[in-house]
Amino acid sequence: MKKFFTVLGGMGSLATESYVHLLNERTPTEKDQDYLDYILVNHSTVPDRTAHILDNSKPSFLPPLIEDIKQQSTLHPEFMVLICNTAHYYYKEMQAATDIPLIHMPHMAISVMKKKYPTAKRIGLIATKGTIADHIYENEIKDAGFEYSLGNQEVQDQVESLIYDDIKIKGKVDAEKYHHILQTMHDKFNCDVIVLGCTELSLAQEKAGDHPYNVIDGQGIIVDKSIEFSEKIRRGEKIDFTKIY
């Protein structure tokens, strides 16, 4: 197979399944051959990202991801996408392990947000404790010139419950809880736009997107970019991956 890309997933598997579902659903097709060529690495046994970020003595998720990246690099994909926001904690180390472009999902998400909502005053961020602790999205939002809010402990507890208790453990999206979180960030913390800084939250958006709030879904954006880049590559167009953001 030539002119394909690699999906580094499994963190968690339901979020990766959501990415693949949206990828296939959004790809313009009339026949089987119109779908995209890609390899899915569903590495579900990668150690918990948040646990390691909060306590570096716990097993690191970097070595298995470096191994995946090096294995995939021998197959020469055109680019790779990492379907886990929190894992971007080690983005520099992962990109340094390969010459294949690794798309930076948080950077891409905020780049799109800046173009889509240029007049927004305050950006809300909801994510795992790990993503909050590593400041990936915070730094991206600040660098883009926006004020931001992380809500409060009550919001964080609800976000963690939605991600871990409902989605990761039960395999279900609690739509009422998700909508309440968005409402709180909008009404109480005056957020014009809410960034979903976890792919499980992207799954919640896919399953329970019937709400009036402006959200930036990094996984949904990387789906669209995967399609855009793949179709250009299929047409023989050159992509300068240093200028995609």
C-alpha atoms as a PDB file:
ATOM      1  CA  MET A   1       0.000   0.000   0.000  1.00  0.00           C
ATOM      2  CA  LYS A   2       1.242   3.455  -0.937  1.00  0.00           C
ATOM      3  CA  LYS A   3       0.080   6.996  -0.150  1.00  0.00           C
ATOM      4  CA  PHE A   4      -1.442   6.037   3.198  1.00  0.00           C
ATOM      5  CA  PHE A   5      -1.274   7.457   6.717  1.00  0.00           C
ATOM      6  CA  THR A   6      -0.999   5.906  10.166  1.00  0.00           C
ATOM      7  CA  VAL A   7      -3.408   6.348  13.072  1.00  0.00           C
ATOM      8  CA  LEU A   8      -1.777   5.886  16.480  1.00  0.00           C
ATOM      9  CA  GLY A   9      -4.739   5.008  18.673  1.00  0.00           C
ATOM     10  CA  GLY A  10      -6.090   2.844  21.455  1.00  0.00           C
ATOM     11  CA  MET A  11      -5.931   5.608  24.094  1.00  0.00           C
ATOM     12  CA  GLY A  12      -8.774   4.785  24.607  1.00  0.00           C
ATOM     13  CA  SER A  13     -10.200   2.409  22.081  1.00  0.00           C
ATOM     14  CA  LEU A  14     -13.733   3.874  22.070  1.00  0.00           C
ATOM     15  CA  ALA A  15     -12.323   7.319  21.251  1.00  0.00           C
ATOM     16  CA  THR A  16     -10.265   5.776  18.451  1.00  0.00           C
ATOM     17  CA  GLU A  17     -13.371   3.995  17.173  1.00  0.00           C
ATOM     18  CA  SER A  18     -15.097   7.375  17.115  1.00  0.00           C
ATOM     19  CA  TYR A  19     -12.252   8.828  15.030  1.00  0.00           C
ATOM     20  CA  VAL A  20     -12.469   5.981  12.493  1.00  0.00           C
ATOM     21  CA  HIS A  21     -16.265   6.222  12.340  1.00  0.00           C
ATOM     22  CA  LEU A  22     -16.150   9.966  11.662  1.00  0.00           C
ATOM     23  CA  LEU A  23     -13.308   9.504   9.176  1.00  0.00           C
ATOM     24  CA  ASN A  24     -15.346   7.055   7.113  1.00  0.00           C
ATOM     25  CA  GLU A  25     -18.578   9.006   7.533  1.00  0.00           C
ATOM     26  CA  ARG A  26     -17.088  12.332   6.415  1.00  0.00           C
ATOM     27  CA  THR A  27     -15.009  11.033   3.504  1.00  0.00           C
ATOM     28  CA  PRO A  28     -16.765  11.851   0.209  1.00  0.00           C
ATOM     29  CA  THR A  29     -17.448   8.472  -1.397  1.00  0.00           C
ATOM     30  CA  GLU A  30     -19.412   6.823  -4.167  1.00  0.00           C
ATOM     31  CA  LYS A  31     -17.632   3.447  -4.103  1.00  0.00           C
ATOM     32  CA  ASP A  32     -15.320   1.370  -1.890  1.00  0.00           C
ATOM     33  CA  GLN A  33     -12.205   2.730  -3.558  1.00  0.00           C
ATOM     34  CA  ASP A  34     -13.031   6.315  -2.548  1.00  0.00           C
ATOM     35  CA  TYR A  35     -12.349   5.613   1.138  1.00  0.00           C
ATOM     36  CA  LEU A  36      -8.939   6.520   2.543  1.00  0.00           C
ATOM     37  CA  ASP A  37      -5.928   4.243   2.866  1.00  0.00           C
ATOM     38  CA  TYR A  38      -4.599   4.099   6.426  1.00  0.00           C
ATOM     39  CA  ILE A  39      -3.156   1.766   9.032  1.00  0.00           C
ATOM     40  CA  LEU A  40      -4.772   1.768  12.474  1.00  0.00           C
ATOM     41  CA  VAL A  41      -2.554   0.964  15.458  1.00  0.00           C
ATOM     42  CA  ASN A  42      -4.965   0.343  18.345  1.00  0.00           C
ATOM     43  CA  HIS A  43      -2.398   0.056  21.148  1.00  0.00           C
ATOM     44  CA  SER A  44      -4.795  -0.235  24.077  1.00  0.00           C
ATOM     45  CA  THR A  45      -2.144  -1.415  26.582  1.00  0.00           C
ATOM     46  CA  VAL A  46      -0.205   1.874  26.484  1.00  0.00           C
ATOM     47  CA  PRO A  47       0.077   2.975  30.158  1.00  0.00           C
ATOM     48  CA  ASP A  48      -2.333   5.588  31.442  1.00  0.00           C
ATOM     49  CA  ARG A  49      -1.200   9.016  30.279  1.00  0.00           C
ATOM     50  CA  THR A  50      -2.680  11.073  33.116  1.00  0.00           C
ATOM     51  CA  ALA A  51      -1.306   8.766  35.827  1.00  0.00           C
ATOM     52  CA  HIS A  52       2.240   9.164  34.479  1.00  0.00           C
ATOM     53  CA  ILE A  53       2.023  12.927  33.995  1.00  0.00           C
ATOM     54  CA  LEU A  54       0.791  13.434  37.558  1.00  0.00           C
ATOM     55  CA  ASP A  55       3.383  10.998  38.957  1.00  0.00           C
ATOM     56  CA  ASN A  56       6.430  10.338  36.772  1.00  0.00           C
ATOM     57  CA  SER A  57       7.333   7.291  38.877  1.00  0.00           C
ATOM     58  CA  LYS A  58       4.396   5.475  37.284  1.00  0.00           C
ATOM     59  CA  PRO A  59       4.881   3.622  33.976  1.00  0.00           C
ATOM     60  CA  SER A  60       5.636   5.955  31.080  1.00  0.00           C
ATOM     61  CA  PHE A  61       3.568   5.852  27.913  1.00  0.00           C
ATOM     62  CA  LEU A  62       6.487   7.216  25.850  1.00  0.00           C
ATOM     63  CA  PRO A  63       8.484   3.983  25.200  1.00  0.00           C
ATOM     64  CA  PRO A  64       5.575   2.011  23.667  1.00  0.00           C
ATOM     65  CA  LEU A  65       4.560   4.985  21.525  1.00  0.00           C
ATOM     66  CA  ILE A  66       8.145   5.472  20.328  1.00  0.00           C
ATOM     67  CA  GLU A  67       8.183   1.773  19.440  1.00  0.00           C
ATOM     68  CA  ASP A  68       4.922   2.169  17.483  1.00  0.00           C
ATOM     69  CA  ILE A  69       6.244   5.221  15.683  1.00  0.00           C
ATOM     70  CA  LYS A  70       9.485   3.499  14.690  1.00  0.00           C
ATOM     71  CA  GLN A  71       7.630   0.391  13.500  1.00  0.00           C
ATOM     72  CA  GLN A  72       5.257   2.446  11.401  1.00  0.00           C
ATOM     73  CA  SER A  73       8.073   4.603  10.028  1.00  0.00           C
ATOM     74  CA  THR A  74       9.561   1.535   8.332  1.00  0.00           C
ATOM     75  CA  LEU A  75       6.347   1.338   6.269  1.00  0.00           C
ATOM     76  CA  HIS A  76       6.716   4.971   5.107  1.00  0.00           C
ATOM     77  CA  PRO A  77       3.292   6.512   5.746  1.00  0.00           C
ATOM     78  CA  GLU A  78       2.793  10.049   4.444  1.00  0.00           C
ATOM     79  CA  PHE A  79       1.942  11.322   7.935  1.00  0.00           C
ATOM     80  CA  MET A  80       0.772  10.090  11.336  1.00  0.00           C
ATOM     81  CA  VAL A  81      -1.990  11.223  13.687  1.00  0.00           C
ATOM     82  CA  LEU A  82      -1.988  10.570  17.434  1.00  0.00           C
ATOM     83  CA  ILE A  83      -5.534  10.030  18.733  1.00  0.00           C
ATOM     84  CA  CYS A  84      -4.944  11.139  22.313  1.00  0.00           C
ATOM     85  CA  ASN A  85      -4.626  14.740  23.442  1.00  0.00           C
ATOM     86  CA  THR A  86      -2.872  13.933  26.714  1.00  0.00           C
ATOM     87  CA  ALA A  87      -0.170  11.873  24.959  1.00  0.00           C
ATOM     88  CA  HIS A  88       1.034  15.054  23.245  1.00  0.00           C
ATOM     89  CA  TYR A  89       2.888  15.693  26.513  1.00  0.00           C
ATOM     90  CA  TYR A  90       5.804  13.943  24.777  1.00  0.00           C
ATOM     91  CA  TYR A  91       5.143  15.321  21.299  1.00  0.00           C
ATOM     92  CA  LYS A  92       8.696  16.645  20.776  1.00  0.00           C
ATOM     93  CA  GLU A  93      10.242  13.307  21.746  1.00  0.00           C
ATOM     94  CA  MET A  94       7.873  11.388  19.473  1.00  0.00           C
ATOM     95  CA  GLN A  95       8.420  13.657  16.481  1.00  0.00           C
ATOM     96  CA  ALA A  96      12.187  13.462  17.032  1.00  0.00           C
ATOM     97  CA  ALA A  97      11.966   9.666  16.675  1.00  0.00           C
ATOM     98  CA  THR A  98      10.835   9.844  13.025  1.00  0.00           C
ATOM     99  CA  ASP A  99      11.105  11.868   9.842  1.00  0.00           C
ATOM    100  CA  ILE A 100       7.410  11.224   9.157  1.00  0.00           C
ATOM    101  CA  PRO A 101       5.236  14.269  10.035  1.00  0.00           C
ATOM    102  CA  LEU A 102       3.266  13.714  13.263  1.00  0.00           C
ATOM    103  CA  ILE A 103       0.291  16.066  13.288  1.00  0.00           C
ATOM    104  CA  HIS A 104       0.003  18.031  16.549  1.00  0.00           C
ATOM    105  CA  MET A 105      -3.699  17.745  17.421  1.00  0.00           C
ATOM    106  CA  PRO A 106      -3.885  20.464  20.135  1.00  0.00           C
ATOM    107  CA  HIS A 107      -1.949  22.951  17.993  1.00  0.00           C
ATOM    108  CA  MET A 108      -4.152  22.171  15.002  1.00  0.00           C
ATOM    109  CA  ALA A 109      -7.316  22.541  17.098  1.00  0.00           C
ATOM    110  CA  ILE A 110      -6.413  25.978  18.452  1.00  0.00           C
ATOM    111  CA  SER A 111      -5.228  27.120  15.027  1.00  0.00           C
ATOM    112  CA  VAL A 112      -8.666  26.264  13.633  1.00  0.00           C
ATOM    113  CA  MET A 113     -10.376  27.872  16.643  1.00  0.00           C
ATOM    114  CA  LYS A 114      -8.530  31.136  16.078  1.00  0.00           C
ATOM    115  CA  LYS A 115      -9.809  31.277  12.486  1.00  0.00           C
ATOM    116  CA  LYS A 116     -13.348  30.141  13.328  1.00  0.00           C
ATOM    117  CA  TYR A 117     -13.922  32.300  16.423  1.00  0.00           C
ATOM    118  CA  PRO A 118     -11.596  35.313  16.063  1.00  0.00           C
ATOM    119  CA  THR A 119     -13.772  37.580  18.226  1.00  0.00           C
ATOM    120  CA  ALA A 120     -14.150  35.152  21.155  1.00  0.00           C
ATOM    121  CA  LYS A 121     -13.276  36.728  24.494  1.00  0.00           C
ATOM    122  CA  ARG A 122     -12.825  33.765  26.805  1.00  0.00           C
ATOM    123  CA  ILE A 123     -12.088  30.148  25.983  1.00  0.00           C
ATOM    124  CA  GLY A 124     -13.078  27.304  28.277  1.00  0.00           C
ATOM    125  CA  LEU A 125     -10.936  24.179  28.509  1.00  0.00           C
ATOM    126  CA  ILE A 126     -12.249  20.838  29.739  1.00  0.00           C
ATOM    127  CA  ALA A 127      -9.859  17.892  29.797  1.00  0.00           C
ATOM    128  CA  THR A 128      -8.234  15.189  31.914  1.00  0.00           C
ATOM    129  CA  LYS A 129      -6.135  16.168  34.925  1.00  0.00           C
ATOM    130  CA  GLY A 130      -3.108  15.121  32.883  1.00  0.00           C
ATOM    131  CA  THR A 131      -3.848  17.515  30.041  1.00  0.00           C
ATOM    132  CA  ILE A 132      -4.547  20.298  32.530  1.00  0.00           C
ATOM    133  CA  ALA A 133      -1.287  19.537  34.349  1.00  0.00           C
ATOM    134  CA  ASP A 134       0.868  19.473  31.224  1.00  0.00           C
ATOM    135  CA  HIS A 135      -0.528  22.869  30.054  1.00  0.00           C
ATOM    136  CA  ILE A 136      -0.540  21.822  26.376  1.00  0.00           C
ATOM    137  CA  TYR A 137      -3.872  23.417  25.555  1.00  0.00           C
ATOM    138  CA  GLU A 138      -3.459  26.297  27.998  1.00  0.00           C
ATOM    139  CA  ASN A 139      -0.232  27.351  26.307  1.00  0.00           C
ATOM    140  CA  GLU A 140      -1.779  27.025  22.857  1.00  0.00           C
ATOM    141  CA  ILE A 141      -4.779  29.149  23.896  1.00  0.00           C
ATOM    142  CA  LYS A 142      -2.578  31.822  25.505  1.00  0.00           C
ATOM    143  CA  ASP A 143      -0.225  31.909  22.508  1.00  0.00           C
ATOM    144  CA  ALA A 144      -3.266  32.446  20.268  1.00  0.00           C
ATOM    145  CA  GLY A 145      -4.092  35.565  22.312  1.00  0.00           C
ATOM    146  CA  PHE A 146      -7.203  34.434  24.198  1.00  0.00           C
ATOM    147  CA  GLU A 147      -8.231  34.548  27.851  1.00  0.00           C
ATOM    148  CA  TYR A 148      -9.194  31.152  29.201  1.00  0.00           C
ATOM    149  CA  SER A 149     -10.916  29.396  32.089  1.00  0.00           C
ATOM    150  CA  LEU A 150     -10.512  25.902  33.513  1.00  0.00           C
ATOM    151  CA  GLY A 151     -13.747  26.130  35.470  1.00  0.00           C
ATOM    152  CA  ASN A 152     -13.462  24.934  39.074  1.00  0.00           C
ATOM    153  CA  GLN A 153     -13.024  21.693  40.997  1.00  0.00           C
ATOM    154  CA  GLU A 154     -16.681  20.783  40.626  1.00  0.00           C
ATOM    155  CA  VAL A 155     -16.406  21.042  36.843  1.00  0.00           C
ATOM    156  CA  GLN A 156     -13.171  19.043  36.838  1.00  0.00           C
ATOM    157  CA  ASP A 157     -14.773  16.303  38.927  1.00  0.00           C
ATOM    158  CA  GLN A 158     -17.699  16.094  36.490  1.00  0.00           C
ATOM    159  CA  VAL A 159     -15.329  15.981  33.508  1.00  0.00           C
ATOM    160  CA  GLU A 160     -13.295  13.185  35.101  1.00  0.00           C
ATOM    161  CA  SER A 161     -16.481  11.283  35.914  1.00  0.00           C
ATOM    162  CA  LEU A 162     -17.723  11.615  32.327  1.00  0.00           C
ATOM    163  CA  ILE A 163     -14.384  10.470  30.876  1.00  0.00           C
ATOM    164  CA  TYR A 164     -13.538   7.642  33.261  1.00  0.00           C
ATOM    165  CA  ASP A 165     -16.719   6.462  34.999  1.00  0.00           C
ATOM    166  CA  ASP A 166     -19.064   6.760  32.039  1.00  0.00           C
ATOM    167  CA  ILE A 167     -17.015   6.337  28.874  1.00  0.00           C
ATOM    168  CA  LYS A 168     -13.886   4.378  29.776  1.00  0.00           C
ATOM    169  CA  ILE A 169     -15.532   2.061  32.336  1.00  0.00           C
ATOM    170  CA  LYS A 170     -19.180   1.806  31.254  1.00  0.00           C
ATOM    171  CA  GLY A 171     -18.652   2.502  27.549  1.00  0.00           C
ATOM    172  CA  LYS A 172     -21.492   5.047  27.566  1.00  0.00           C
ATOM    173  CA  VAL A 173     -21.877   8.795  27.151  1.00  0.00           C
ATOM    174  CA  ASP A 174     -23.939  10.579  29.811  1.00  0.00           C
ATOM    175  CA  ALA A 175     -25.430  13.285  27.598  1.00  0.00           C
ATOM    176  CA  GLU A 176     -27.037  15.137  30.503  1.00  0.00           C
ATOM    177  CA  LYS A 177     -23.712  15.345  32.362  1.00  0.00           C
ATOM    178  CA  TYR A 178     -21.883  16.480  29.220  1.00  0.00           C
ATOM    179  CA  HIS A 179     -24.429  19.196  28.476  1.00  0.00           C
ATOM    180  CA  HIS A 180     -24.372  20.368  32.110  1.00  0.00           C
ATOM    181  CA  ILE A 181     -20.585  20.766  31.959  1.00  0.00           C
ATOM    182  CA  LEU A 182     -20.832  22.860  28.802  1.00  0.00           C
ATOM    183  CA  GLN A 183     -23.648  24.950  30.268  1.00  0.00           C
ATOM    184  CA  THR A 184     -21.643  25.618  33.438  1.00  0.00           C
ATOM    185  CA  MET A 185     -18.561  26.687  31.472  1.00  0.00           C
ATOM    186  CA  HIS A 186     -20.702  28.991  29.339  1.00  0.00           C
ATOM    187  CA  ASP A 187     -23.000  30.459  31.983  1.00  0.00           C
ATOM    188  CA  LYS A 188     -20.868  30.519  35.128  1.00  0.00           C
ATOM    189  CA  PHE A 189     -17.405  31.059  33.654  1.00  0.00           C
ATOM    190  CA  ASN A 190     -18.439  33.203  30.661  1.00  0.00           C
ATOM    191  CA  CYS A 191     -16.799  31.024  28.020  1.00  0.00           C
ATOM    192  CA  ASP A 192     -17.678  31.858  24.415  1.00  0.00           C
ATOM    193  CA  VAL A 193     -16.028  28.684  23.131  1.00  0.00           C
ATOM    194  CA  ILE A 194     -15.243  25.436  24.964  1.00  0.00           C
ATOM    195  CA  VAL A 195     -12.265  23.327  23.908  1.00  0.00           C
ATOM    196  CA  LEU A 196     -12.656  19.571  24.286  1.00  0.00           C
ATOM    197  CA  GLY A 197      -9.162  18.580  25.396  1.00  0.00           C
ATOM    198  CA  CYS A 198      -9.736  14.829  25.541  1.00  0.00           C
ATOM    199  CA  THR A 199     -10.752  12.367  22.842  1.00  0.00           C
ATOM    200  CA  GLU A 200     -13.364  10.829  25.160  1.00  0.00           C
ATOM    201  CA  LEU A 201     -14.979  14.268  25.217  1.00  0.00           C
ATOM    202  CA  SER A 202     -14.854  14.163  21.423  1.00  0.00           C
ATOM    203  CA  LEU A 203     -16.815  10.931  21.643  1.00  0.00           C
ATOM    204  CA  ALA A 204     -19.317  12.716  23.899  1.00  0.00           C
ATOM    205  CA  GLN A 205     -19.630  15.439  21.260  1.00  0.00           C
ATOM    206  CA  GLU A 206     -20.247  12.827  18.553  1.00  0.00           C
ATOM    207  CA  LYS A 207     -22.941  11.058  20.573  1.00  0.00           C
ATOM    208  CA  ALA A 208     -24.503  14.091  22.274  1.00  0.00           C
ATOM    209  CA  GLY A 209     -23.808  17.066  20.022  1.00  0.00           C
ATOM    210  CA  ASP A 210     -27.381  18.405  20.309  1.00  0.00           C
ATOM    211  CA  HIS A 211     -26.581  21.500  22.379  1.00  0.00           C
ATOM    212  CA  PRO A 212     -26.292  25.256  21.642  1.00  0.00           C
ATOM    213  CA  TYR A 213     -22.687  25.785  22.777  1.00  0.00           C
ATOM    214  CA  ASN A 214     -19.628  26.563  20.630  1.00  0.00           C
ATOM    215  CA  VAL A 215     -17.087  23.787  21.008  1.00  0.00           C
ATOM    216  CA  ILE A 216     -13.721  23.045  19.451  1.00  0.00           C
ATOM    217  CA  ASP A 217     -13.307  19.320  19.063  1.00  0.00           C
ATOM    218  CA  GLY A 218      -9.656  18.444  18.389  1.00  0.00           C
ATOM    219  CA  GLN A 219     -10.480  14.945  17.241  1.00  0.00           C
ATOM    220  CA  GLY A 220     -13.183  16.130  14.852  1.00  0.00           C
ATOM    221  CA  ILE A 221     -10.738  18.662  13.435  1.00  0.00           C
ATOM    222  CA  ILE A 222      -7.998  16.057  12.984  1.00  0.00           C
ATOM    223  CA  VAL A 223     -10.543  13.866  11.177  1.00  0.00           C
ATOM    224  CA  ASP A 224     -11.198  16.671   8.692  1.00  0.00           C
ATOM    225  CA  LYS A 225      -7.491  17.352   8.278  1.00  0.00           C
ATOM    226  CA  SER A 226      -6.762  13.639   7.764  1.00  0.00           C
ATOM    227  CA  ILE A 227      -9.266  13.632   4.912  1.00  0.00           C
ATOM    228  CA  GLU A 228      -7.935  16.871   3.442  1.00  0.00           C
ATOM    229  CA  PHE A 229      -4.297  15.749   3.506  1.00  0.00           C
ATOM    230  CA  SER A 230      -5.068  12.243   2.238  1.00  0.00           C
ATOM    231  CA  GLU A 231      -7.092  13.467  -0.710  1.00  0.00           C
ATOM    232  CA  LYS A 232      -4.354  15.929  -1.691  1.00  0.00           C
ATOM    233  CA  ILE A 233      -1.724  13.189  -1.483  1.00  0.00           C
ATOM    234  CA  ARG A 234      -3.911  10.868  -3.546  1.00  0.00           C
ATOM    235  CA  ARG A 235      -4.106  13.559  -6.240  1.00  0.00           C
ATOM    236  CA  GLY A 236      -0.336  13.811  -6.232  1.00  0.00           C
ATOM    237  CA  GLU A 237      -0.171  17.213  -4.522  1.00  0.00           C
ATOM    238  CA  LYS A 238       2.767  18.075  -2.292  1.00  0.00           C
ATOM    239  CA  ILE A 239       2.028  19.123   1.283  1.00  0.00           C
ATOM    240  CA  ASP A 240       4.411  21.284   3.294  1.00  0.00           C
ATOM    241  CA  PHE A 241       3.650  19.935   6.758  1.00  0.00           C
ATOM    242  CA  THR A 242       5.622  22.771   8.349  1.00  0.00           C
ATOM    243  CA  LYS A 243       2.918  25.196   7.151  1.00  0.00           C
ATOM    244  CA  ILE A 244      -0.320  23.355   7.894  1.00  0.00           C
ATOM    245  CA  TYR A 245      -1.228  25.148  11.106  1.00  0.00           C
END
